[in-house]
PDB file of N, CA and C in Angstrom:
ATOM      1  N   MET A   1       0.841  -1.333  -0.052  1.00  0.00           N
ATOM      2  CA  MET A   1      -0.075  -0.073   0.002  1.00  0.00           C
ATOM      3  C   MET A   1       1.012   1.308   0.064  1.00  0.00           C
ATOM      4  N   LYS A   2       0.768   2.163  -1.063  1.00  0.00           N
ATOM      5  CA  LYS A   2       1.512   3.064  -0.848  1.00  0.00           C
ATOM      6  C   LYS A   2       0.816   4.360  -0.160  1.00  0.00           C
ATOM      7  N   VAL A   3       1.139   5.094   0.395  1.00  0.00           N
ATOM      8  CA  VAL A   3       0.354   6.438   1.334  1.00  0.00           C
ATOM      9  C   VAL A   3       0.972   7.406   0.217  1.00  0.00           C
ATOM     10  N   LYS A   4       0.338   8.138  -0.199  1.00  0.00           N
ATOM     11  CA  LYS A   4       0.287   9.525  -1.043  1.00  0.00           C
ATOM     12  C   LYS A   4       0.691  10.644  -0.232  1.00  0.00           C
ATOM     13  N   GLY A   5      -0.164  10.851   1.240  1.00  0.00           N
ATOM     14  CA  GLY A   5       0.424  11.998   2.210  1.00  0.00           C
ATOM     15  C   GLY A   5      -0.537  11.971   3.274  1.00  0.00           C
ATOM     16  N   VAL A   6      -0.151  13.149   4.108  1.00  0.00           N
ATOM     17  CA  VAL A   6      -0.934  12.681   5.294  1.00  0.00           C
ATOM     18  C   VAL A   6      -1.988  13.866   5.003  1.00  0.00           C
ATOM     19  N   ILE A   7      -3.098  13.415   5.605  1.00  0.00           N
ATOM     20  CA  ILE A   7      -4.389  14.268   5.447  1.00  0.00           C
ATOM     21  C   ILE A   7      -4.794  14.897   6.389  1.00  0.00           C
ATOM     22  N   SER A   8      -4.704  14.429   7.623  1.00  0.00           N
ATOM     23  CA  SER A   8      -4.918  14.965   8.825  1.00  0.00           C
ATOM     24  C   SER A   8      -3.864  14.131   9.939  1.00  0.00           C
ATOM     25  N   GLU A   9      -3.716  14.823  11.087  1.00  0.00           N
ATOM     26  CA  GLU A   9      -3.368  14.331  12.403  1.00  0.00           C
ATOM     27  C   GLU A   9      -3.608  14.451  13.761  1.00  0.00           C
ATOM     28  N   GLU A  10      -4.258  13.264  14.092  1.00  0.00           N
ATOM     29  CA  GLU A  10      -4.762  13.416  15.994  1.00  0.00           C
ATOM     30  C   GLU A  10      -4.517  12.120  16.750  1.00  0.00           C
ATOM     31  N   ARG A  11      -4.285  12.645  18.109  1.00  0.00           N
ATOM     32  CA  ARG A  11      -3.990  11.702  18.953  1.00  0.00           C
ATOM     33  C   ARG A  11      -5.164  11.144  19.353  1.00  0.00           C
ATOM     34  N   ILE A  12      -5.038   9.773  19.391  1.00  0.00           N
ATOM     35  CA  ILE A  12      -6.128   8.951  19.793  1.00  0.00           C
ATOM     36  C   ILE A  12      -5.536   7.772  20.794  1.00  0.00           C
ATOM     37  N   THR A  13      -6.358   6.921  21.667  1.00  0.00           N
ATOM     38  CA  THR A  13      -6.160   5.887  22.599  1.00  0.00           C
ATOM     39  C   THR A  13      -6.332   4.685  21.641  1.00  0.00           C
ATOM     40  N   LEU A  14      -5.451   3.882  22.322  1.00  0.00           N
ATOM     41  CA  LEU A  14      -5.543   2.243  21.509  1.00  0.00           C
ATOM     42  C   LEU A  14      -7.096   1.694  21.708  1.00  0.00           C
ATOM     43  N   PRO A  15      -8.117   2.168  22.483  1.00  0.00           N
ATOM     44  CA  PRO A  15      -9.555   1.696  22.457  1.00  0.00           C
ATOM     45  C   PRO A  15     -10.301   2.280  21.148  1.00  0.00           C
ATOM     46  N   GLU A  16      -9.623   3.833  21.286  1.00  0.00           N
ATOM     47  CA  GLU A  16     -10.379   4.256  19.836  1.00  0.00           C
ATOM     48  C   GLU A  16      -9.653   3.825  18.621  1.00  0.00           C
ATOM     49  N   LEU A  17      -8.788   3.421  18.611  1.00  0.00           N
ATOM     50  CA  LEU A  17      -7.709   2.938  17.291  1.00  0.00           C
ATOM     51  C   LEU A  17      -8.898   1.512  17.394  1.00  0.00           C
ATOM     52  N   ARG A  18      -8.769   0.813  18.390  1.00  0.00           N
ATOM     53  CA  ARG A  18      -9.686  -0.647  18.075  1.00  0.00           C
ATOM     54  C   ARG A  18     -10.979  -0.555  17.520  1.00  0.00           C
ATOM     55  N   GLU A  19     -11.620   0.817  17.950  1.00  0.00           N
ATOM     56  CA  GLU A  19     -12.929   0.975  17.122  1.00  0.00           C
ATOM     57  C   GLU A  19     -13.120   1.225  15.435  1.00  0.00           C
ATOM     58  N   ALA A  20     -12.032   2.454  15.242  1.00  0.00           N
ATOM     59  CA  ALA A  20     -11.717   2.558  14.005  1.00  0.00           C
ATOM     60  C   ALA A  20     -11.279   1.185  13.137  1.00  0.00           C
ATOM     61  N   LEU A  21     -10.201   0.576  13.572  1.00  0.00           N
ATOM     62  CA  LEU A  21      -9.891  -0.696  12.927  1.00  0.00           C
ATOM     63  C   LEU A  21     -11.047  -1.547  12.613  1.00  0.00           C
ATOM     64  N   LEU A  22     -12.377  -1.801  13.808  1.00  0.00           N
ATOM     65  CA  LEU A  22     -13.046  -2.518  13.625  1.00  0.00           C
ATOM     66  C   LEU A  22     -14.157  -2.052  12.716  1.00  0.00           C
ATOM     67  N   ARG A  23     -14.337  -0.639  12.252  1.00  0.00           N
ATOM     68  CA  ARG A  23     -15.021  -0.103  11.371  1.00  0.00           C
ATOM     69  C   ARG A  23     -14.478  -0.553  10.295  1.00  0.00           C
ATOM     70  N   VAL A  24     -13.321  -0.686   9.860  1.00  0.00           N
ATOM     71  CA  VAL A  24     -12.537  -0.546   8.426  1.00  0.00           C
ATOM     72  C   VAL A  24     -12.897  -2.340   8.163  1.00  0.00           C
ATOM     73  N   GLU A  25     -12.459  -2.836   9.039  1.00  0.00           N
ATOM     74  CA  GLU A  25     -12.758  -4.294   8.586  1.00  0.00           C
ATOM     75  C   GLU A  25     -14.297  -4.932   8.425  1.00  0.00           C
ATOM     76  N   ALA A  26     -15.581  -4.457   8.896  1.00  0.00           N
ATOM     77  CA  ALA A  26     -16.676  -4.267   8.566  1.00  0.00           C
ATOM     78  C   ALA A  26     -16.809  -4.019   7.456  1.00  0.00           C
ATOM     79  N   GLU A  27     -16.252  -3.041   6.862  1.00  0.00           N
ATOM     80  CA  GLU A  27     -16.599  -2.130   5.483  1.00  0.00           C
ATOM     81  C   GLU A  27     -15.893  -3.276   4.332  1.00  0.00           C
ATOM     82  N   ARG A  28     -14.359  -3.653   4.812  1.00  0.00           N
ATOM     83  CA  ARG A  28     -14.287  -4.610   3.884  1.00  0.00           C
ATOM     84  C   ARG A  28     -15.090  -5.984   3.805  1.00  0.00           C
ATOM     85  N   LEU A  29     -15.259  -6.505   5.034  1.00  0.00           N
ATOM     86  CA  LEU A  29     -16.205  -7.943   4.697  1.00  0.00           C
ATOM     87  C   LEU A  29     -17.088  -7.445   3.964  1.00  0.00           C
ATOM     88  N   GLU A  30     -17.717  -6.444   4.196  1.00  0.00           N
ATOM     89  CA  GLU A  30     -19.123  -6.074   3.283  1.00  0.00           C
ATOM     90  C   GLU A  30     -18.849  -5.666   2.021  1.00  0.00           C
ATOM     91  N   THR A  31     -17.634  -5.202   1.850  1.00  0.00           N
ATOM     92  CA  THR A  31     -17.499  -5.118   0.589  1.00  0.00           C
ATOM     93  C   THR A  31     -16.772  -6.185  -0.194  1.00  0.00           C
ATOM     94  N   GLY A  32     -16.377  -7.106   0.360  1.00  0.00           N
ATOM     95  CA  GLY A  32     -15.678  -8.287  -0.138  1.00  0.00           C
ATOM     96  C   GLY A  32     -14.310  -8.060  -0.378  1.00  0.00           C
ATOM     97  N   LYS A  33     -13.895  -6.974  -0.306  1.00  0.00           N
ATOM     98  CA  LYS A  33     -12.511  -6.772  -0.110  1.00  0.00           C
ATOM     99  C   LYS A  33     -11.460  -7.350   0.711  1.00  0.00           C
ATOM    100  N   GLU A  34     -10.153  -8.113   0.283  1.00  0.00           N
ATOM    101  CA  GLU A  34      -9.500  -8.646   1.229  1.00  0.00           C
ATOM    102  C   GLU A  34      -8.720  -7.832   2.069  1.00  0.00           C
ATOM    103  N   MET A  35      -8.423  -8.205   3.196  1.00  0.00           N
ATOM    104  CA  MET A  35      -7.636  -7.547   4.259  1.00  0.00           C
ATOM    105  C   MET A  35      -6.297  -7.866   4.451  1.00  0.00           C
ATOM    106  N   SER A  36      -5.312  -7.094   4.348  1.00  0.00           N
ATOM    107  CA  SER A  36      -3.651  -7.460   4.380  1.00  0.00           C
ATOM    108  C   SER A  36      -3.086  -7.931   5.369  1.00  0.00           C
ATOM    109  N   TYR A  37      -2.581  -8.831   5.464  1.00  0.00           N
ATOM    110  CA  TYR A  37      -1.604  -9.208   6.788  1.00  0.00           C
ATOM    111  C   TYR A  37      -1.565  -8.004   7.769  1.00  0.00           C
ATOM    112  N   GLU A  38      -1.249  -7.031   7.420  1.00  0.00           N
ATOM    113  CA  GLU A  38      -1.108  -5.987   8.519  1.00  0.00           C
ATOM    114  C   GLU A  38      -2.310  -5.664   9.044  1.00  0.00           C
ATOM    115  N   LEU A  39      -3.100  -5.279   8.124  1.00  0.00           N
ATOM    116  CA  LEU A  39      -4.423  -5.161   8.941  1.00  0.00           C
ATOM    117  C   LEU A  39      -5.106  -6.005   9.956  1.00  0.00           C
ATOM    118  N   ARG A  40      -4.954  -7.074   9.682  1.00  0.00           N
ATOM    119  CA  ARG A  40      -5.468  -8.394  10.467  1.00  0.00           C
ATOM    120  C   ARG A  40      -4.706  -8.367  11.735  1.00  0.00           C
ATOM    121  N   ARG A  41      -3.207  -8.289  11.564  1.00  0.00           N
ATOM    122  CA  ARG A  41      -2.833  -8.226  12.860  1.00  0.00           C
ATOM    123  C   ARG A  41      -2.740  -6.796  13.637  1.00  0.00           C
ATOM    124  N   SER A  42      -2.883  -5.913  12.959  1.00  0.00           N
ATOM    125  CA  SER A  42      -3.436  -4.331  13.969  1.00  0.00           C
ATOM    126  C   SER A  42      -4.823  -4.343  14.630  1.00  0.00           C
ATOM    127  N   ILE A  43      -5.583  -4.953  13.751  1.00  0.00           N
ATOM    128  CA  ILE A  43      -7.051  -5.420  14.339  1.00  0.00           C
ATOM    129  C   ILE A  43      -6.642  -6.467  15.633  1.00  0.00           C
ATOM    130  N   GLU A  44      -6.064  -7.550  15.370  1.00  0.00           N
ATOM    131  CA  GLU A  44      -5.375  -8.586  16.288  1.00  0.00           C
ATOM    132  C   GLU A  44      -5.141  -7.996  17.906  1.00  0.00           C
ATOM    133  N   HIS A  45      -3.997  -7.189  17.193  1.00  0.00           N
ATOM    134  CA  HIS A  45      -3.483  -6.388  18.684  1.00  0.00           C
ATOM    135  C   HIS A  45      -4.129  -5.428  19.121  1.00  0.00           C
ATOM    136  N   ALA A  46      -4.807  -4.634  18.768  1.00  0.00           N
ATOM    137  CA  ALA A  46      -5.653  -3.667  19.576  1.00  0.00           C
ATOM    138  C   ALA A  46      -6.996  -4.641  20.064  1.00  0.00           C
ATOM    139  N   ASN A  47      -7.266  -5.849  19.624  1.00  0.00           N
ATOM    140  CA  ASN A  47      -8.245  -6.397  20.613  1.00  0.00           C
ATOM    141  C   ASN A  47      -7.901  -7.066  21.579  1.00  0.00           C
ATOM    142  N   GLN A  48      -6.685  -7.456  21.381  1.00  0.00           N
ATOM    143  CA  GLN A  48      -6.074  -8.293  22.971  1.00  0.00           C
ATOM    144  C   GLN A  48      -5.466  -6.939  23.644  1.00  0.00           C
ATOM    145  N   LEU A  49      -5.310  -5.782  23.156  1.00  0.00           N
ATOM    146  CA  LEU A  49      -5.198  -4.899  24.240  1.00  0.00           C
ATOM    147  C   LEU A  49      -5.856  -3.781  24.708  1.00  0.00           C
ATOM    148  N   ALA A  50      -6.611  -3.263  24.271  1.00  0.00           N
ATOM    149  CA  ALA A  50      -7.897  -2.072  24.286  1.00  0.00           C
ATOM    150  C   ALA A  50      -8.869  -3.140  25.661  1.00  0.00           C
ATOM    151  N   VAL A  51      -8.677  -2.482  26.758  1.00  0.00           N
ATOM    152  CA  VAL A  51      -9.187  -2.925  27.979  1.00  0.00           C
ATOM    153  C   VAL A  51     -10.847  -2.245  28.088  1.00  0.00           C
ATOM    154  N   ILE A  52     -10.675  -0.831  27.736  1.00  0.00           N
ATOM    155  CA  ILE A  52     -12.246  -0.100  27.942  1.00  0.00           C
ATOM    156  C   ILE A  52     -12.683   0.549  26.569  1.00  0.00           C
ATOM    157  N   PRO A  53     -13.707   0.742  26.866  1.00  0.00           N
ATOM    158  CA  PRO A  53     -14.071   1.382  25.231  1.00  0.00           C
ATOM    159  C   PRO A  53     -13.657   2.471  24.872  1.00  0.00           C
ATOM    160  N   GLY A  54     -13.684   2.901  23.972  1.00  0.00           N
ATOM    161  CA  GLY A  54     -13.124   4.061  23.449  1.00  0.00           C
ATOM    162  C   GLY A  54     -13.444   5.431  24.041  1.00  0.00           C
ATOM    163  N   GLU A  55     -14.930   5.692  24.164  1.00  0.00           N
ATOM    164  CA  GLU A  55     -15.537   7.289  25.010  1.00  0.00           C
ATOM    165  C   GLU A  55     -14.915   7.223  26.340  1.00  0.00           C
ATOM    166  N   ARG A  56     -15.034   5.771  26.858  1.00  0.00           N
ATOM    167  CA  ARG A  56     -14.132   6.002  28.446  1.00  0.00           C
ATOM    168  C   ARG A  56     -12.806   6.533  28.611  1.00  0.00           C
ATOM    169  N   SER A  57     -12.015   5.915  27.521  1.00  0.00           N
ATOM    170  CA  SER A  57     -10.659   6.107  27.085  1.00  0.00           C
ATOM    171  C   SER A  57     -10.146   7.598  27.237  1.00  0.00           C
ATOM    172  N   ARG A  58     -10.922   8.323  26.256  1.00  0.00           N
ATOM    173  CA  ARG A  58     -11.153   9.850  25.907  1.00  0.00           C
ATOM    174  C   ARG A  58     -11.449  10.448  27.159  1.00  0.00           C
ATOM    175  N   ALA A  59     -12.579  10.146  27.797  1.00  0.00           N
ATOM    176  CA  ALA A  59     -12.876  10.656  29.324  1.00  0.00           C
ATOM    177  C   ALA A  59     -11.644  10.478  30.423  1.00  0.00           C
ATOM    178  N   LEU A  60     -10.990   9.253  30.516  1.00  0.00           N
ATOM    179  CA  LEU A  60      -9.680   9.285  31.217  1.00  0.00           C
ATOM    180  C   LEU A  60      -8.794   9.956  30.780  1.00  0.00           C
ATOM    181  N   VAL A  61      -8.320  10.616  29.298  1.00  0.00           N
ATOM    182  CA  VAL A  61      -7.289  11.482  29.491  1.00  0.00           C
ATOM    183  C   VAL A  61      -7.653  12.740  29.801  1.00  0.00           C
ATOM    184  N   VAL A  62      -8.948  13.166  29.737  1.00  0.00           N
ATOM    185  CA  VAL A  62      -9.491  14.444  29.932  1.00  0.00           C
ATOM    186  C   VAL A  62      -9.430  14.812  31.406  1.00  0.00           C
ATOM    187  N   GLU A  63      -9.674  13.619  32.269  1.00  0.00           N
ATOM    188  CA  GLU A  63      -9.520  13.589  33.590  1.00  0.00           C
ATOM    189  C   GLU A  63      -7.966  14.123  33.904  1.00  0.00           C
ATOM    190  N   LEU A  64      -7.171  12.998  33.163  1.00  0.00           N
ATOM    191  CA  LEU A  64      -5.626  12.980  33.749  1.00  0.00           C
ATOM    192  C   LEU A  64      -4.792  14.125  33.409  1.00  0.00           C
ATOM    193  N   LEU A  65      -5.611  14.982  32.422  1.00  0.00           N
ATOM    194  CA  LEU A  65      -4.943  16.484  31.432  1.00  0.00           C
ATOM    195  C   LEU A  65      -5.323  17.275  32.640  1.00  0.00           C
ATOM    196  N   ALA A  66      -6.084  17.029  33.487  1.00  0.00           N
ATOM    197  CA  ALA A  66      -6.338  17.938  34.475  1.00  0.00           C
ATOM    198  C   ALA A  66      -5.403  17.998  35.876  1.00  0.00           C
ATOM    199  N   LEU A  67      -4.453  16.847  35.943  1.00  0.00           N
ATOM    200  CA  LEU A  67      -3.469  16.829  37.085  1.00  0.00           C
ATOM    201  C   LEU A  67      -2.222  17.462  36.686  1.00  0.00           C
ATOM    202  N   GLU A  68      -1.456  17.777  37.778  1.00  0.00           N
ATOM    203  CA  GLU A  68      -0.319  18.280  37.818  1.00  0.00           C
ATOM    204  C   GLU A  68       0.595  17.541  37.366  1.00  0.00           C
ATOM    205  N   LYS A  69       1.427  17.854  36.415  1.00  0.00           N
ATOM    206  CA  LYS A  69       2.800  17.476  35.749  1.00  0.00           C
ATOM    207  C   LYS A  69       2.060  16.119  34.852  1.00  0.00           C
ATOM    208  N   MET A  70       1.059  16.364  34.019  1.00  0.00           N
ATOM    209  CA  MET A  70       0.687  15.388  33.067  1.00  0.00           C
ATOM    210  C   MET A  70       0.775  15.979  31.712  1.00  0.00           C
ATOM    211  N   LYS A  71       1.565  15.508  30.761  1.00  0.00           N
ATOM    212  CA  LYS A  71       1.756  16.177  29.442  1.00  0.00           C
ATOM    213  C   LYS A  71       0.720  15.085  28.670  1.00  0.00           C
ATOM    214  N   PRO A  72      -0.061  15.834  27.527  1.00  0.00           N
ATOM    215  CA  PRO A  72      -1.033  14.796  26.561  1.00  0.00           C
ATOM    216  C   PRO A  72       0.103  13.567  26.305  1.00  0.00           C
ATOM    217  N   ASP A  73       1.055  13.602  25.934  1.00  0.00           N
ATOM    218  CA  ASP A  73       1.699  12.321  25.486  1.00  0.00           C
ATOM    219  C   ASP A  73       1.512  11.298  26.191  1.00  0.00           C
ATOM    220  N   ILE A  74       1.441  11.419  27.776  1.00  0.00           N
ATOM    221  CA  ILE A  74       1.650  10.549  28.824  1.00  0.00           C
ATOM    222  C   ILE A  74       0.088  10.023  29.274  1.00  0.00           C
ATOM    223  N   ALA A  75      -0.543  11.163  28.705  1.00  0.00           N
ATOM    224  CA  ALA A  75      -1.959  10.905  29.359  1.00  0.00           C
ATOM    225  C   ALA A  75      -2.623   9.897  28.630  1.00  0.00           C
ATOM    226  N   PHE A  76      -2.650  10.110  27.092  1.00  0.00           N
ATOM    227  CA  PHE A  76      -2.750   9.630  26.078  1.00  0.00           C
ATOM    228  C   PHE A  76      -2.432   7.586  26.466  1.00  0.00           C
ATOM    229  N   ARG A  77      -0.869   7.715  26.770  1.00  0.00           N
ATOM    230  CA  ARG A  77      -0.136   6.634  26.954  1.00  0.00           C
ATOM    231  C   ARG A  77      -0.854   5.697  27.923  1.00  0.00           C
ATOM    232  N   ILE A  78      -1.243   6.490  29.292  1.00  0.00           N
ATOM    233  CA  ILE A  78      -1.657   5.776  30.630  1.00  0.00           C
ATOM    234  C   ILE A  78      -3.190   5.135  30.068  1.00  0.00           C
ATOM    235  N   ALA A  79      -3.759   6.044  29.433  1.00  0.00           N
ATOM    236  CA  ALA A  79      -5.116   5.375  28.617  1.00  0.00           C
ATOM    237  C   ALA A  79      -5.395   4.588  27.836  1.00  0.00           C
ATOM    238  N   SER A  80      -4.306   4.096  26.936  1.00  0.00           N
ATOM    239  CA  SER A  80      -4.369   2.875  26.246  1.00  0.00           C
ATOM    240  C   SER A  80      -3.345   1.537  26.696  1.00  0.00           C
ATOM    241  N   ILE A  81      -2.453   2.088  27.586  1.00  0.00           N
ATOM    242  CA  ILE A  81      -1.847   1.192  28.357  1.00  0.00           C
ATOM    243  C   ILE A  81      -2.628   0.204  29.722  1.00  0.00           C
ATOM    244  N   MET A  82      -3.112   1.527  30.502  1.00  0.00           N
ATOM    245  CA  MET A  82      -4.138   1.394  31.427  1.00  0.00           C
ATOM    246  C   MET A  82      -3.386   0.377  32.652  1.00  0.00           C
ATOM    247  N   PRO A  83      -2.110   1.132  32.997  1.00  0.00           N
ATOM    248  CA  PRO A  83      -1.438   0.284  34.164  1.00  0.00           C
ATOM    249  C   PRO A  83      -2.071   0.112  35.586  1.00  0.00           C
ATOM    250  N   LYS A  84      -1.579  -1.078  36.135  1.00  0.00           N
ATOM    251  CA  LYS A  84      -2.077  -1.211  37.371  1.00  0.00           C
ATOM    252  C   LYS A  84      -1.355  -1.422  38.611  1.00  0.00           C
ATOM    253  N   THR A  85      -0.086  -0.938  38.181  1.00  0.00           N
ATOM    254  CA  THR A  85       0.597  -1.191  39.748  1.00  0.00           C
ATOM    255  C   THR A  85       1.745   0.066  39.206  1.00  0.00           C
ATOM    256  N   LYS A  86       2.449   0.601  40.663  1.00  0.00           N
ATOM    257  CA  LYS A  86       2.906   1.829  40.521  1.00  0.00           C
ATOM    258  C   LYS A  86       4.516   1.557  39.730  1.00  0.00           C
ATOM    259  N   ASP A  87       4.780   0.280  39.494  1.00  0.00           N
ATOM    260  CA  ASP A  87       6.269   0.297  38.689  1.00  0.00           C
ATOM    261  C   ASP A  87       5.444   0.185  37.415  1.00  0.00           C
ATOM    262  N   GLU A  88       4.387  -0.016  36.674  1.00  0.00           N
ATOM    263  CA  GLU A  88       3.950   0.197  35.040  1.00  0.00           C
ATOM    264  C   GLU A  88       4.190   1.813  35.029  1.00  0.00           C
ATOM    265  N   LEU A  89       3.453   2.417  36.130  1.00  0.00           N
ATOM    266  CA  LEU A  89       3.479   4.069  35.615  1.00  0.00           C
ATOM    267  C   LEU A  89       4.903   4.454  36.127  1.00  0.00           C
ATOM    268  N   ARG A  90       5.967   4.106  36.671  1.00  0.00           N
ATOM    269  CA  ARG A  90       7.010   4.596  36.871  1.00  0.00           C
ATOM    270  C   ARG A  90       7.576   4.343  35.107  1.00  0.00           C
ATOM    271  N   ALA A  91       7.203   3.029  34.874  1.00  0.00           N
ATOM    272  CA  ALA A  91       8.028   2.937  33.562  1.00  0.00           C
ATOM    273  C   ALA A  91       7.221   3.708  32.198  1.00  0.00           C
ATOM    274  N   ILE A  92       6.331   4.258  32.265  1.00  0.00           N
ATOM    275  CA  ILE A  92       5.637   5.566  31.730  1.00  0.00           C
ATOM    276  C   ILE A  92       6.486   6.682  31.798  1.00  0.00           C
ATOM    277  N   TYR A  93       6.631   7.102  33.283  1.00  0.00           N
ATOM    278  CA  TYR A  93       7.198   8.339  33.120  1.00  0.00           C
ATOM    279  C   TYR A  93       8.743   8.212  33.164  1.00  0.00           C
ATOM    280  N   ALA A  94       9.712   6.664  32.637  1.00  0.00           N
ATOM    281  CA  ALA A  94      10.697   6.501  32.951  1.00  0.00           C
ATOM    282  C   ALA A  94      11.527   7.660  32.053  1.00  0.00           C
ATOM    283  N   LYS A  95      11.169   8.394  31.079  1.00  0.00           N
ATOM    284  CA  LYS A  95      11.990   9.352  30.162  1.00  0.00           C
ATOM    285  C   LYS A  95      11.737  10.493  30.375  1.00  0.00           C
ATOM    286  N   GLU A  96      10.901  10.666  31.307  1.00  0.00           N
ATOM    287  CA  GLU A  96      10.772  12.230  32.188  1.00  0.00           C
ATOM    288  C   GLU A  96      11.895  12.907  33.033  1.00  0.00           C
ATOM    289  N   LYS A  97      12.049  13.825  32.855  1.00  0.00           N
ATOM    290  CA  LYS A  97      13.127  14.687  33.716  1.00  0.00           C
ATOM    291  C   LYS A  97      12.751  14.630  35.396  1.00  0.00           C
ATOM    292  N   TYR A  98      11.595  14.625  35.634  1.00  0.00           N
ATOM    293  CA  TYR A  98      11.010  14.690  36.910  1.00  0.00           C
ATOM    294  C   TYR A  98      10.438  12.988  37.450  1.00  0.00           C
ATOM    295  N   SER A  99      10.228  12.797  38.487  1.00  0.00           N
ATOM    296  CA  SER A  99       9.604  11.752  39.133  1.00  0.00           C
ATOM    297  C   SER A  99       8.249  11.884  39.697  1.00  0.00           C
ATOM    298  N   LEU A 100       7.587  11.036  40.250  1.00  0.00           N
ATOM    299  CA  LEU A 100       6.245  11.469  40.759  1.00  0.00           C
ATOM    300  C   LEU A 100       6.456  11.047  41.998  1.00  0.00           C
ATOM    301  N   THR A 101       5.708  11.703  42.974  1.00  0.00           N
ATOM    302  CA  THR A 101       5.670  11.326  44.090  1.00  0.00           C
ATOM    303  C   THR A 101       4.650  10.017  44.377  1.00  0.00           C
ATOM    304  N   VAL A 102       4.710   9.823  45.710  1.00  0.00           N
ATOM    305  CA  VAL A 102       3.890   8.434  45.756  1.00  0.00           C
ATOM    306  C   VAL A 102       2.388   8.474  46.091  1.00  0.00           C
ATOM    307  N   GLU A 103       2.390   9.928  46.393  1.00  0.00           N
ATOM    308  CA  GLU A 103       0.823  10.545  46.168  1.00  0.00           C
ATOM    309  C   GLU A 103       0.307  10.641  44.980  1.00  0.00           C
ATOM    310  N   GLU A 104       1.044  11.042  44.092  1.00  0.00           N
ATOM    311  CA  GLU A 104       0.759  11.559  42.621  1.00  0.00           C
ATOM    312  C   GLU A 104       0.712  10.318  42.180  1.00  0.00           C
ATOM    313  N   LEU A 105       1.569   8.939  42.372  1.00  0.00           N
ATOM    314  CA  LEU A 105       1.336   7.659  41.689  1.00  0.00           C
ATOM    315  C   LEU A 105      -0.336   7.281  42.049  1.00  0.00           C
ATOM    316  N   ASP A 106      -0.241   7.604  43.287  1.00  0.00           N
ATOM    317  CA  ASP A 106      -1.424   6.881  43.536  1.00  0.00           C
ATOM    318  C   ASP A 106      -2.794   7.300  43.035  1.00  0.00           C
ATOM    319  N   ALA A 107      -2.714   8.798  43.109  1.00  0.00           N
ATOM    320  CA  ALA A 107      -3.684   9.549  42.402  1.00  0.00           C
ATOM    321  C   ALA A 107      -4.109   8.870  41.093  1.00  0.00           C
ATOM    322  N   ILE A 108      -2.972   8.809  40.021  1.00  0.00           N
ATOM    323  CA  ILE A 108      -3.378   8.598  38.607  1.00  0.00           C
ATOM    324  C   ILE A 108      -3.976   7.037  38.719  1.00  0.00           C
ATOM    325  N   LEU A 109      -3.324   6.080  39.619  1.00  0.00           N
ATOM    326  CA  LEU A 109      -3.891   4.921  39.747  1.00  0.00           C
ATOM    327  C   LEU A 109      -4.980   4.861  39.966  1.00  0.00           C
ATOM    328  N   ASN A 110      -5.775   5.587  40.823  1.00  0.00           N
ATOM    329  CA  ASN A 110      -6.974   5.541  41.541  1.00  0.00           C
ATOM    330  C   ASN A 110      -7.820   6.015  40.134  1.00  0.00           C
ATOM    331  N   LEU A 111      -7.376   6.970  39.397  1.00  0.00           N
ATOM    332  CA  LEU A 111      -8.129   7.333  38.714  1.00  0.00           C
ATOM    333  C   LEU A 111      -8.261   6.565  37.121  1.00  0.00           C
ATOM    334  N   VAL A 112      -7.216   5.604  37.008  1.00  0.00           N
ATOM    335  CA  VAL A 112      -7.058   4.498  36.356  1.00  0.00           C
ATOM    336  C   VAL A 112      -8.274   3.401  36.571  1.00  0.00           C
ATOM    337  N   LYS A 113      -8.197   3.083  38.008  1.00  0.00           N
ATOM    338  CA  LYS A 113      -8.921   2.260  38.567  1.00  0.00           C
ATOM    339  C   LYS A 113     -10.399   2.298  38.177  1.00  0.00           C
ATOM    340  N   GLY A 114     -10.923   3.440  38.682  1.00  0.00           N
ATOM    341  CA  GLY A 114     -12.104   3.717  38.401  1.00  0.00           C
ATOM    342  C   GLY A 114     -12.923   3.514  36.748  1.00  0.00           C
ATOM    343  N   TYR A 115     -11.877   3.472  36.017  1.00  0.00           N
ATOM    344  CA  TYR A 115     -12.348   3.168  34.510  1.00  0.00           C
ATOM    345  C   TYR A 115     -12.518   1.814  34.243  1.00  0.00           C
ATOM    346  N   PHE A 116     -12.018   0.575  34.835  1.00  0.00           N
ATOM    347  CA  PHE A 116     -11.873  -0.521  34.780  1.00  0.00           C
ATOM    348  C   PHE A 116     -13.326  -1.299  34.605  1.00  0.00           C
TER     349      PHE A 116
END
């Protein structure tokens, strides 16, 4: 498949991506078009890793962005991965120049747990 150019660009979470891929899959099956290997693998990957529905993941991103020390990249990553432990959350913040306190980690994990 050749890409001619980027039309638009926006950040989405993994659950939102799964919903978009499922729409593409349904459209392809309806029209009888063959799905490429990459598309099938992408759908399989998204189905395995997406935990919550797309609209709930977007709501989580909005709540995370309200927190201090939260960048949009990290908020989308947290909403896609849905970390369950402080170690998983620290791994997301590993490349940042600052570290979070235990209270800040707990606040983020409590928000995430509210969406399971």
